[in-house]
Amino acid sequence: MSIQAASGEIGTVHPCARSVRAARARGVAFHVDAVGAAGRLPLSVDEQAIDLLTLSSNDLYGPPGAGALWARPSAASLAPLIVGRPGGRTPCGDGEPAGIVGMAVAADFVRAERRGRWTGWARSATA
């Protein structure tokens, strides 16, 4: 089951708890598209029992073109629909190292800002 946590277009927030209960009742993995929610809404893969979570770098004030898929170890056995290299999980290529590092740095900034420890460019850019 896959849901969008928040819609940047119309501003709605999806209640994950109700959806995860429905997925669990049917033995289905639960995926959250957190692109519109990451850095804006509190997300906890453990508290919300999320199996898979996707993020986009540019929505975390990072460079465009990088993204991430977080997978709970129990959900890591899902078979890919598009097969890349043998044994690999990257059907779209290896990614750009600078973009991946940039996404990690941006995620650290957002996390620190949400904890109130950093008040740099991200806050002034949205004000």
N, C-alpha and C. Protein backbone atom coordinates (compact mmCIF):
# COMPACT_ATOMS: atom_id res chain seq x y z
N MET A 1 0.85 -1.15 0.00
CA MET A 1 0.00 0.00 0.00
C MET A 1 0.91 1.23 0.00
N SER A 2 0.56 2.20 -0.80
CA SER A 2 1.39 3.40 -0.91
C SER A 2 0.51 4.64 -0.77
N ILE A 3 0.94 5.57 0.07
CA ILE A 3 0.21 6.82 0.24
C ILE A 3 1.17 8.00 0.14
N GLN A 4 0.62 9.15 -0.12
CA GLN A 4 1.38 10.40 -0.12
C GLN A 4 1.12 11.05 1.25
N ALA A 5 2.17 11.28 2.03
CA ALA A 5 2.00 11.81 3.39
C ALA A 5 1.38 13.20 3.38
N ALA A 6 1.80 14.03 2.45
CA ALA A 6 1.27 15.39 2.35
C ALA A 6 1.33 15.83 0.90
N SER A 7 0.35 16.59 0.50
CA SER A 7 0.30 17.09 -0.87
C SER A 7 0.76 18.56 -0.89
N GLY A 8 1.81 18.82 -1.61
CA GLY A 8 2.29 20.18 -1.75
C GLY A 8 1.39 21.01 -2.65
N GLU A 9 0.61 20.37 -3.49
CA GLU A 9 -0.26 21.09 -4.42
C GLU A 9 -1.51 21.63 -3.73
N ILE A 10 -2.15 20.80 -2.91
CA ILE A 10 -3.41 21.24 -2.30
C ILE A 10 -3.33 21.35 -0.77
N GLY A 11 -2.19 20.99 -0.19
CA GLY A 11 -1.97 21.20 1.23
C GLY A 11 -2.61 20.21 2.17
N THR A 12 -3.00 19.05 1.69
CA THR A 12 -3.63 18.06 2.57
C THR A 12 -2.57 17.18 3.23
N VAL A 13 -2.91 16.66 4.40
CA VAL A 13 -2.05 15.72 5.12
C VAL A 13 -2.83 14.44 5.29
N HIS A 14 -2.21 13.31 4.94
CA HIS A 14 -2.88 12.02 5.02
C HIS A 14 -2.64 11.39 6.40
N PRO A 15 -3.67 10.89 7.06
CA PRO A 15 -3.48 10.23 8.35
C PRO A 15 -2.89 8.83 8.16
N CYS A 16 -1.60 8.70 8.43
CA CYS A 16 -0.91 7.42 8.20
C CYS A 16 -1.42 6.30 9.09
N ALA A 17 -1.77 6.61 10.34
CA ALA A 17 -2.14 5.56 11.30
C ALA A 17 -3.29 4.70 10.79
N ARG A 18 -4.29 5.32 10.23
CA ARG A 18 -5.46 4.58 9.73
C ARG A 18 -5.07 3.69 8.56
N SER A 19 -4.26 4.21 7.67
CA SER A 19 -3.84 3.44 6.50
C SER A 19 -2.94 2.28 6.86
N VAL A 20 -2.03 2.49 7.82
CA VAL A 20 -1.13 1.41 8.21
C VAL A 20 -1.90 0.27 8.86
N ARG A 21 -2.95 0.58 9.62
CA ARG A 21 -3.78 -0.49 10.20
C ARG A 21 -4.43 -1.33 9.10
N ALA A 22 -4.92 -0.68 8.06
CA ALA A 22 -5.54 -1.40 6.94
C ALA A 22 -4.52 -2.28 6.23
N ALA A 23 -3.31 -1.76 6.04
CA ALA A 23 -2.26 -2.54 5.38
C ALA A 23 -1.86 -3.74 6.23
N ARG A 24 -1.65 -3.53 7.51
CA ARG A 24 -1.26 -4.62 8.42
C ARG A 24 -2.33 -5.72 8.47
N ALA A 25 -3.59 -5.32 8.47
CA ALA A 25 -4.69 -6.29 8.53
C ALA A 25 -4.67 -7.22 7.32
N ARG A 26 -4.10 -6.75 6.23
CA ARG A 26 -4.05 -7.56 5.00
C ARG A 26 -2.66 -8.13 4.71
N GLY A 27 -1.71 -7.87 5.62
CA GLY A 27 -0.36 -8.40 5.45
C GLY A 27 0.40 -7.74 4.31
N VAL A 28 0.12 -6.45 4.07
CA VAL A 28 0.72 -5.72 2.95
C VAL A 28 1.75 -4.73 3.48
N ALA A 29 2.86 -4.57 2.76
CA ALA A 29 3.86 -3.58 3.12
C ALA A 29 3.27 -2.17 2.97
N PHE A 30 3.74 -1.25 3.82
CA PHE A 30 3.20 0.11 3.85
C PHE A 30 4.29 1.10 3.41
N HIS A 31 4.04 1.80 2.31
CA HIS A 31 4.99 2.78 1.76
C HIS A 31 4.43 4.19 1.89
N VAL A 32 5.28 5.12 2.29
CA VAL A 32 4.89 6.53 2.39
C VAL A 32 5.77 7.35 1.47
N ASP A 33 5.12 8.10 0.58
CA ASP A 33 5.81 9.10 -0.23
C ASP A 33 5.90 10.34 0.65
N ALA A 34 7.08 10.60 1.20
CA ALA A 34 7.25 11.69 2.16
C ALA A 34 7.85 12.94 1.52
N VAL A 35 7.82 13.03 0.20
CA VAL A 35 8.43 14.17 -0.49
C VAL A 35 7.82 15.49 0.00
N GLY A 36 6.51 15.58 0.09
CA GLY A 36 5.88 16.83 0.51
C GLY A 36 5.87 17.04 2.01
N ALA A 37 6.20 16.02 2.78
CA ALA A 37 6.13 16.12 4.24
C ALA A 37 7.49 16.26 4.92
N ALA A 38 8.53 15.71 4.32
CA ALA A 38 9.85 15.70 4.95
C ALA A 38 10.34 17.11 5.23
N GLY A 39 10.75 17.33 6.46
CA GLY A 39 11.23 18.64 6.87
C GLY A 39 10.13 19.59 7.27
N ARG A 40 8.88 19.21 7.03
CA ARG A 40 7.75 20.07 7.35
C ARG A 40 6.86 19.48 8.43
N LEU A 41 6.70 18.17 8.40
CA LEU A 41 5.86 17.45 9.36
C LEU A 41 6.70 16.41 10.09
N PRO A 42 6.36 16.12 11.34
CA PRO A 42 7.09 15.06 12.04
C PRO A 42 6.78 13.70 11.41
N LEU A 43 7.83 12.96 11.10
CA LEU A 43 7.68 11.61 10.55
C LEU A 43 8.55 10.67 11.37
N SER A 44 7.98 9.55 11.78
CA SER A 44 8.74 8.54 12.49
C SER A 44 8.38 7.18 11.91
N VAL A 45 9.35 6.55 11.27
CA VAL A 45 9.08 5.25 10.65
C VAL A 45 8.72 4.21 11.71
N ASP A 46 9.25 4.36 12.91
CA ASP A 46 8.93 3.39 13.97
C ASP A 46 7.56 3.66 14.58
N GLU A 47 7.29 4.90 14.96
CA GLU A 47 6.00 5.22 15.58
C GLU A 47 4.83 5.00 14.62
N GLN A 48 5.05 5.27 13.33
CA GLN A 48 3.98 5.13 12.35
C GLN A 48 4.02 3.79 11.62
N ALA A 49 4.93 2.90 12.03
CA ALA A 49 5.05 1.54 11.45
C ALA A 49 5.19 1.56 9.94
N ILE A 50 6.00 2.47 9.43
CA ILE A 50 6.23 2.60 7.99
C ILE A 50 7.26 1.56 7.56
N ASP A 51 6.98 0.85 6.47
CA ASP A 51 7.91 -0.15 5.94
C ASP A 51 8.88 0.46 4.92
N LEU A 52 8.37 1.35 4.09
CA LEU A 52 9.17 1.98 3.03
C LEU A 52 8.85 3.47 3.00
N LEU A 53 9.87 4.31 2.80
CA LEU A 53 9.67 5.75 2.79
C LEU A 53 10.56 6.36 1.72
N THR A 54 9.98 7.21 0.87
CA THR A 54 10.76 7.87 -0.17
C THR A 54 10.87 9.36 0.11
N LEU A 55 12.03 9.92 -0.24
CA LEU A 55 12.34 11.33 -0.04
C LEU A 55 12.97 11.90 -1.30
N SER A 56 12.88 13.21 -1.45
CA SER A 56 13.50 13.92 -2.56
C SER A 56 14.42 14.99 -2.00
N SER A 57 15.61 15.09 -2.53
CA SER A 57 16.60 16.04 -2.04
C SER A 57 16.16 17.49 -2.16
N ASN A 58 15.61 17.87 -3.30
CA ASN A 58 15.28 19.28 -3.51
C ASN A 58 14.17 19.76 -2.58
N ASP A 59 13.36 18.86 -2.01
CA ASP A 59 12.36 19.27 -1.05
C ASP A 59 12.92 19.38 0.36
N LEU A 60 14.20 19.05 0.52
CA LEU A 60 14.90 19.23 1.79
C LEU A 60 15.93 20.35 1.66
N TYR A 61 15.75 21.21 0.68
CA TYR A 61 16.68 22.30 0.36
C TYR A 61 18.00 21.79 -0.18
N GLY A 62 18.01 20.57 -0.70
CA GLY A 62 19.23 20.00 -1.26
C GLY A 62 19.25 20.12 -2.78
N PRO A 63 20.25 19.55 -3.41
CA PRO A 63 20.36 19.63 -4.86
C PRO A 63 19.31 18.77 -5.56
N PRO A 64 18.81 19.21 -6.71
CA PRO A 64 17.83 18.39 -7.44
C PRO A 64 18.49 17.15 -8.03
N GLY A 65 17.69 16.13 -8.23
CA GLY A 65 18.17 14.93 -8.90
C GLY A 65 18.56 13.80 -7.97
N ALA A 66 18.52 14.02 -6.67
CA ALA A 66 18.85 12.95 -5.72
C ALA A 66 17.60 12.59 -4.92
N GLY A 67 17.48 11.35 -4.59
CA GLY A 67 16.35 10.88 -3.80
C GLY A 67 16.80 9.73 -2.94
N ALA A 68 15.92 9.29 -2.06
CA ALA A 68 16.27 8.19 -1.17
C ALA A 68 15.06 7.30 -0.94
N LEU A 69 15.34 6.03 -0.78
CA LEU A 69 14.33 5.06 -0.38
C LEU A 69 14.83 4.42 0.91
N TRP A 70 14.07 4.60 1.99
CA TRP A 70 14.38 3.93 3.24
C TRP A 70 13.51 2.67 3.29
N ALA A 71 14.10 1.54 3.65
CA ALA A 71 13.35 0.28 3.73
C ALA A 71 13.61 -0.40 5.06
N ARG A 72 12.54 -0.77 5.74
CA ARG A 72 12.67 -1.57 6.96
C ARG A 72 13.26 -2.92 6.55
N PRO A 73 14.15 -3.48 7.34
CA PRO A 73 14.77 -4.75 6.95
C PRO A 73 13.76 -5.84 6.59
N SER A 74 12.63 -5.89 7.27
CA SER A 74 11.62 -6.91 6.96
C SER A 74 10.97 -6.68 5.60
N ALA A 75 11.02 -5.45 5.08
CA ALA A 75 10.45 -5.15 3.77
C ALA A 75 11.49 -5.20 2.66
N ALA A 76 12.74 -5.38 3.03
CA ALA A 76 13.82 -5.37 2.03
C ALA A 76 13.76 -6.58 1.09
N SER A 77 12.95 -7.57 1.42
CA SER A 77 12.87 -8.75 0.57
C SER A 77 11.89 -8.56 -0.60
N LEU A 78 11.28 -7.39 -0.73
CA LEU A 78 10.38 -7.14 -1.85
C LEU A 78 11.15 -7.22 -3.17
N ALA A 79 10.55 -7.81 -4.15
CA ALA A 79 11.20 -7.95 -5.46
C ALA A 79 11.02 -6.67 -6.28
N PRO A 80 12.07 -6.20 -6.95
CA PRO A 80 11.94 -5.00 -7.77
C PRO A 80 11.12 -5.27 -9.03
N LEU A 81 10.42 -4.24 -9.50
CA LEU A 81 9.67 -4.35 -10.74
C LEU A 81 10.58 -4.12 -11.94
N ILE A 82 11.62 -3.29 -11.75
CA ILE A 82 12.60 -3.02 -12.79
C ILE A 82 13.93 -3.53 -12.28
N VAL A 83 14.56 -4.38 -13.04
CA VAL A 83 15.80 -5.00 -12.60
C VAL A 83 16.98 -4.25 -13.19
N GLY A 84 17.91 -3.88 -12.33
CA GLY A 84 19.13 -3.20 -12.76
C GLY A 84 20.25 -4.20 -12.90
N ARG A 85 21.37 -3.88 -12.33
CA ARG A 85 22.51 -4.80 -12.37
C ARG A 85 22.20 -6.04 -11.55
N PRO A 86 22.83 -7.15 -11.87
CA PRO A 86 22.60 -8.35 -11.07
C PRO A 86 22.97 -8.09 -9.61
N GLY A 87 22.04 -8.36 -8.71
CA GLY A 87 22.27 -8.16 -7.29
C GLY A 87 22.17 -6.72 -6.84
N GLY A 88 21.99 -5.78 -7.77
CA GLY A 88 21.95 -4.37 -7.40
C GLY A 88 20.52 -3.88 -7.21
N ARG A 89 20.38 -2.75 -6.56
CA ARG A 89 19.07 -2.15 -6.34
C ARG A 89 18.98 -0.80 -7.02
N THR A 90 19.74 -0.59 -8.07
CA THR A 90 19.76 0.72 -8.71
C THR A 90 19.43 0.59 -10.20
N PRO A 91 18.16 0.39 -10.54
CA PRO A 91 17.80 0.23 -11.94
C PRO A 91 17.97 1.51 -12.75
N CYS A 92 18.11 2.65 -12.08
CA CYS A 92 18.23 3.93 -12.80
C CYS A 92 19.65 4.45 -12.78
N GLY A 93 20.62 3.65 -12.43
CA GLY A 93 22.01 4.11 -12.40
C GLY A 93 22.55 4.18 -10.99
N ASP A 94 23.76 4.62 -10.89
CA ASP A 94 24.44 4.67 -9.59
C ASP A 94 24.26 5.99 -8.87
N GLY A 95 23.67 6.97 -9.52
CA GLY A 95 23.49 8.26 -8.89
C GLY A 95 24.72 9.12 -8.99
N GLU A 96 24.56 10.35 -8.64
CA GLU A 96 25.65 11.31 -8.67
C GLU A 96 26.16 11.48 -7.25
N PRO A 97 27.43 11.14 -6.97
CA PRO A 97 27.93 11.22 -5.60
C PRO A 97 27.76 12.60 -4.96
N ALA A 98 27.99 13.67 -5.71
CA ALA A 98 27.85 15.02 -5.15
C ALA A 98 26.40 15.28 -4.75
N GLY A 99 25.44 14.83 -5.54
CA GLY A 99 24.02 15.01 -5.20
C GLY A 99 23.62 14.21 -3.98
N ILE A 100 24.17 13.01 -3.85
CA ILE A 100 23.86 12.17 -2.71
C ILE A 100 24.43 12.79 -1.42
N VAL A 101 25.66 13.27 -1.48
CA VAL A 101 26.26 13.94 -0.32
C VAL A 101 25.50 15.22 0.00
N GLY A 102 25.12 15.97 -1.04
CA GLY A 102 24.35 17.19 -0.84
C GLY A 102 23.02 16.92 -0.17
N MET A 103 22.39 15.80 -0.52
CA MET A 103 21.12 15.44 0.11
C MET A 103 21.33 15.11 1.59
N ALA A 104 22.40 14.40 1.90
CA ALA A 104 22.69 14.06 3.30
C ALA A 104 22.95 15.32 4.12
N VAL A 105 23.69 16.27 3.58
CA VAL A 105 23.96 17.51 4.29
C VAL A 105 22.66 18.31 4.48
N ALA A 106 21.84 18.38 3.44
CA ALA A 106 20.56 19.10 3.55
C ALA A 106 19.66 18.45 4.59
N ALA A 107 19.62 17.12 4.63
CA ALA A 107 18.80 16.42 5.62
C ALA A 107 19.29 16.73 7.04
N ASP A 108 20.61 16.80 7.23
CA ASP A 108 21.15 17.16 8.54
C ASP A 108 20.74 18.57 8.93
N PHE A 109 20.77 19.52 7.98
CA PHE A 109 20.35 20.89 8.26
C PHE A 109 18.88 20.95 8.67
N VAL A 110 18.03 20.24 7.93
CA VAL A 110 16.60 20.24 8.22
C VAL A 110 16.34 19.62 9.60
N ARG A 111 17.01 18.51 9.89
CA ARG A 111 16.85 17.86 11.19
C ARG A 111 17.27 18.81 12.33
N ALA A 112 18.40 19.48 12.17
CA ALA A 112 18.88 20.41 13.19
C ALA A 112 17.93 21.59 13.33
N GLU A 113 17.39 22.08 12.21
CA GLU A 113 16.46 23.20 12.26
C GLU A 113 15.18 22.81 13.00
N ARG A 114 14.68 21.61 12.75
CA ARG A 114 13.46 21.16 13.43
C ARG A 114 13.68 21.00 14.93
N ARG A 115 14.90 20.70 15.31
CA ARG A 115 15.21 20.58 16.75
C ARG A 115 15.54 21.94 17.37
N GLY A 116 15.55 22.99 16.56
CA GLY A 116 15.80 24.33 17.06
C GLY A 116 17.25 24.66 17.30
N ARG A 117 18.16 23.86 16.73
CA ARG A 117 19.58 24.08 16.96
C ARG A 117 20.25 24.85 15.82
N TRP A 118 19.56 25.04 14.75
CA TRP A 118 20.18 25.71 13.60
C TRP A 118 19.15 26.63 12.98
N THR A 119 19.48 27.87 12.78
CA THR A 119 18.53 28.83 12.23
C THR A 119 19.15 29.55 11.04
N GLY A 120 19.69 28.79 10.14
CA GLY A 120 20.41 29.37 9.00
C GLY A 120 19.52 29.67 7.81
N TRP A 121 20.05 29.41 6.65
CA TRP A 121 19.43 29.83 5.38
C TRP A 121 18.06 29.22 5.14
N ALA A 122 17.78 28.02 5.62
CA ALA A 122 16.50 27.38 5.33
C ALA A 122 15.34 28.20 5.90
N ARG A 123 15.50 28.70 7.10
CA ARG A 123 14.43 29.49 7.72
C ARG A 123 14.29 30.82 7.00
N SER A 124 15.40 31.50 6.69
CA SER A 124 15.31 32.82 6.04
C SER A 124 14.82 32.70 4.60
N ALA A 125 15.09 31.56 3.96
CA ALA A 125 14.65 31.39 2.57
C ALA A 125 13.14 31.24 2.47
N THR A 126 12.50 30.73 3.52
CA THR A 126 11.06 30.52 3.47
C THR A 126 10.27 31.67 4.11
N ALA A 127 10.97 32.61 4.74
CA ALA A 127 10.28 33.71 5.42
C ALA A 127 9.85 34.79 4.46
